[in-house]
Protein backbone atom coordinates (compact mmCIF):
# COMPACT_ATOMS: atom_id res chain seq x y z
CA MET A 1 91.27 230.20 104.65
CA ALA A 2 89.64 228.13 107.09
CA PHE A 3 90.25 224.60 105.79
CA PRO A 4 93.91 225.02 105.21
CA LEU A 5 94.93 226.81 108.22
CA VAL A 6 92.62 224.59 110.50
CA LEU A 7 94.48 221.48 108.83
CA ALA A 8 97.87 223.23 109.31
CA GLY A 9 96.88 223.80 112.96
CA THR A 10 95.92 220.40 113.47
CA VAL A 11 98.98 219.17 112.05
CA LEU A 12 101.11 221.45 114.36
CA VAL A 13 99.24 219.96 117.31
CA ALA A 14 99.51 216.80 116.25
CA CYS A 15 103.28 216.96 115.86
CA ILE A 16 103.57 218.17 119.55
CA GLY A 17 101.15 215.36 120.71
CA TYR A 18 103.48 212.81 118.62
CA TYR A 19 106.80 214.17 119.44
CA VAL A 20 106.86 216.05 122.75
CA PHE A 21 104.21 214.45 124.67
CA PRO A 22 105.46 211.35 126.68
CA TYR A 23 102.48 209.28 126.03
CA ASN A 24 103.43 207.21 122.97
CA TRP A 25 100.15 208.17 121.03
CA SER A 26 100.07 206.79 117.58
CA TRP A 27 99.76 209.68 114.58
CA ALA A 28 95.97 208.82 114.40
CA LEU A 29 95.28 209.84 117.95
CA SER A 30 97.66 212.68 117.70
CA MET A 31 95.85 214.25 114.80
CA THR A 32 92.39 213.69 116.38
CA PHE A 33 93.86 215.51 119.34
CA GLY A 34 95.06 218.12 117.04
CA SER A 35 91.84 218.46 115.17
CA ILE A 36 89.98 218.85 118.52
CA LEU A 37 92.20 221.93 119.64
CA ALA A 38 92.56 223.72 116.09
CA ALA A 39 89.29 225.57 116.04
CA THR A 40 90.08 229.03 117.09
CA ASP A 41 87.91 231.00 119.41
CA PRO A 42 86.82 234.30 118.18
CA VAL A 43 85.90 235.93 121.43
CA ALA A 44 89.24 237.57 122.09
CA VAL A 45 89.39 238.70 118.57
CA SER A 46 86.03 240.32 118.89
CA VAL A 47 86.44 241.94 122.15
CA LEU A 48 89.71 243.45 120.69
CA LEU A 49 87.74 244.78 117.61
CA ASN A 50 85.27 246.40 119.65
CA GLU A 51 88.16 248.24 121.70
CA VAL A 52 89.68 249.40 118.83
CA GLY A 53 86.38 250.55 116.89
CA ALA A 54 86.88 248.51 114.02
CA PRO A 55 83.82 248.33 111.67
CA PRO A 56 80.77 246.43 111.82
CA ARG A 57 81.76 244.47 108.67
CA LEU A 58 85.15 243.29 109.83
CA LYS A 59 83.50 241.87 113.10
CA MET A 60 80.95 239.80 110.64
CA HIS A 61 83.95 238.37 108.65
CA VAL A 62 85.56 237.23 111.57
CA SER A 63 82.38 235.50 113.00
CA GLY A 64 82.11 233.83 109.61
CA GLU A 65 85.55 232.76 109.45
CA SER A 66 85.16 231.13 113.02
CA LEU A 67 82.10 229.37 111.98
CA MET A 68 84.02 227.89 108.97
CA ASN A 69 86.68 226.81 111.44
CA ASP A 70 84.30 225.16 113.79
CA GLY A 71 82.86 223.31 110.97
CA SER A 72 86.13 222.17 109.33
CA ALA A 73 87.78 221.10 112.67
CA VAL A 74 84.22 219.06 113.03
CA VAL A 75 85.29 217.65 109.65
CA PHE A 76 88.65 216.61 110.16
CA PHE A 77 87.85 215.30 113.66
CA THR A 78 85.32 212.66 112.13
CA ILE A 79 88.17 211.81 109.49
CA PHE A 80 90.99 211.40 112.08
CA GLY A 81 88.91 210.00 114.88
CA SER A 82 87.54 207.02 112.26
CA VAL A 83 91.11 206.08 111.54
CA PHE A 84 92.15 205.86 115.30
CA LEU A 85 89.06 203.92 116.05
CA TYR A 86 90.06 201.56 113.35
CA GLU A 87 93.46 201.36 114.69
CA LEU A 88 91.88 200.06 118.01
CA GLY A 89 91.03 196.96 116.54
CA ILE A 90 87.31 196.91 117.74
CA ALA A 91 85.07 195.33 115.17
CA GLY A 92 82.58 197.72 113.65
CA LEU A 93 84.37 200.99 114.83
CA GLY A 94 86.00 203.25 112.26
CA GLN A 95 87.69 202.69 109.05
CA ASP A 96 91.11 202.57 107.48
CA VAL A 97 91.41 205.82 105.49
CA THR A 98 93.99 206.49 102.94
CA VAL A 99 95.13 209.80 101.89
CA GLY A 100 93.05 209.66 98.58
CA GLU A 101 89.86 208.45 100.60
CA GLY A 102 90.62 211.19 103.23
CA PHE A 103 90.28 213.75 100.64
CA ALA A 104 87.11 212.38 99.34
CA ILE A 105 85.48 212.11 102.70
CA PHE A 106 86.66 215.86 103.37
CA PHE A 107 85.14 216.96 100.17
CA ARG A 108 82.12 215.14 100.41
CA MET A 109 81.37 216.05 103.91
CA SER A 110 82.21 219.83 103.61
CA ILE A 111 80.73 220.52 100.19
CA GLY A 112 77.79 218.11 100.82
CA GLY A 113 76.93 219.96 104.07
CA ALA A 114 77.31 223.27 102.19
CA LEU A 115 75.20 222.36 99.48
CA ILE A 116 72.29 220.87 101.81
CA GLY A 117 72.43 224.10 103.84
CA ILE A 118 71.65 225.91 100.83
CA GLY A 119 69.25 224.00 99.71
CA PHE A 120 67.32 224.13 102.96
CA SER A 121 67.93 227.97 103.23
CA LEU A 122 66.67 228.54 99.91
CA ALA A 123 63.09 226.55 100.76
CA LEU A 124 63.32 228.69 103.94
CA LEU A 125 63.20 231.85 102.17
CA LEU A 126 60.49 230.62 99.77
CA LEU A 127 58.44 229.70 102.83
CA LEU A 128 59.11 232.81 104.84
CA PHE A 129 58.09 234.83 101.47
CA LEU A 130 54.98 232.92 101.11
CA LEU A 131 54.19 233.37 104.82
CA ASN A 132 54.89 237.24 104.77
CA ARG A 133 51.98 237.62 102.24
CA LYS A 134 49.44 235.44 104.42
CA LEU A 135 50.13 236.58 107.96
CA ASN A 136 50.27 239.95 109.60
CA ARG A 137 52.88 241.30 111.63
CA GLU A 138 51.30 239.98 114.97
CA GLU A 139 51.63 236.48 113.64
CA ASN A 140 55.47 236.56 113.14
CA VAL A 141 55.81 233.38 115.70
CA VAL A 142 55.14 230.98 112.81
CA GLN A 143 58.21 232.52 110.70
CA VAL A 144 60.38 232.31 113.53
CA ALA A 145 59.28 228.74 114.36
CA ALA A 146 59.87 227.85 110.59
CA ALA A 147 63.14 229.44 110.73
CA VAL A 148 64.18 227.24 113.70
CA SER A 149 62.55 224.26 112.59
CA ILE A 150 64.38 224.39 108.99
CA ALA A 151 67.89 224.90 110.82
CA TYR A 152 67.43 221.76 113.01
CA LEU A 153 66.06 219.84 110.06
CA SER A 154 69.15 220.67 107.62
CA PHE A 155 71.63 219.71 110.52
CA TYR A 156 69.67 216.28 111.19
CA CYS A 157 69.25 215.79 107.26
CA ALA A 158 72.81 216.50 106.55
CA GLU A 159 74.27 214.33 109.51
CA THR A 160 72.06 211.61 109.75
CA LEU A 161 70.73 211.09 106.18
CA ALA A 162 73.44 212.30 103.74
CA HIS A 163 76.40 211.71 106.25
CA CYS A 164 77.80 215.23 105.45
CA SER A 165 78.79 217.77 107.84
CA GLY A 166 75.97 219.30 109.35
CA VAL A 167 77.83 222.13 111.23
CA ILE A 168 79.01 223.46 107.69
């Protein structure tokens, strides 16, 4: 539910920016503004779950949902920000995105980022499995360094090389 509800929050905040604020913003700028404010913060929900004694599984679901909310907000910001930069008329900034192209960019960024992350995580699992057999328990610094390095490498490859969402 992360993607449709973040998009709904983006549109609702964009309507406020477009129709209520007295700044005469374009629709692209309003959608960019809406995508910035659409991601929810799970801190208040986590505190409430701790107070009522919710099971840890529910807390994990809330944390996972918040990560997907952040990732989808970044994808929407990239799409709407590109349209807004195109509207400014500065050569080389942004692109004119139609609705169909917007969906194509959305699916490329979100599904591509997820597939890149899955590929790197499988490679990390294989690496950790191999390191566990060769290293003793005192040398686990190599395993931690490998996990952190692979996480940053997957983000870099997704964002820079594949032009997908590294956050997702």
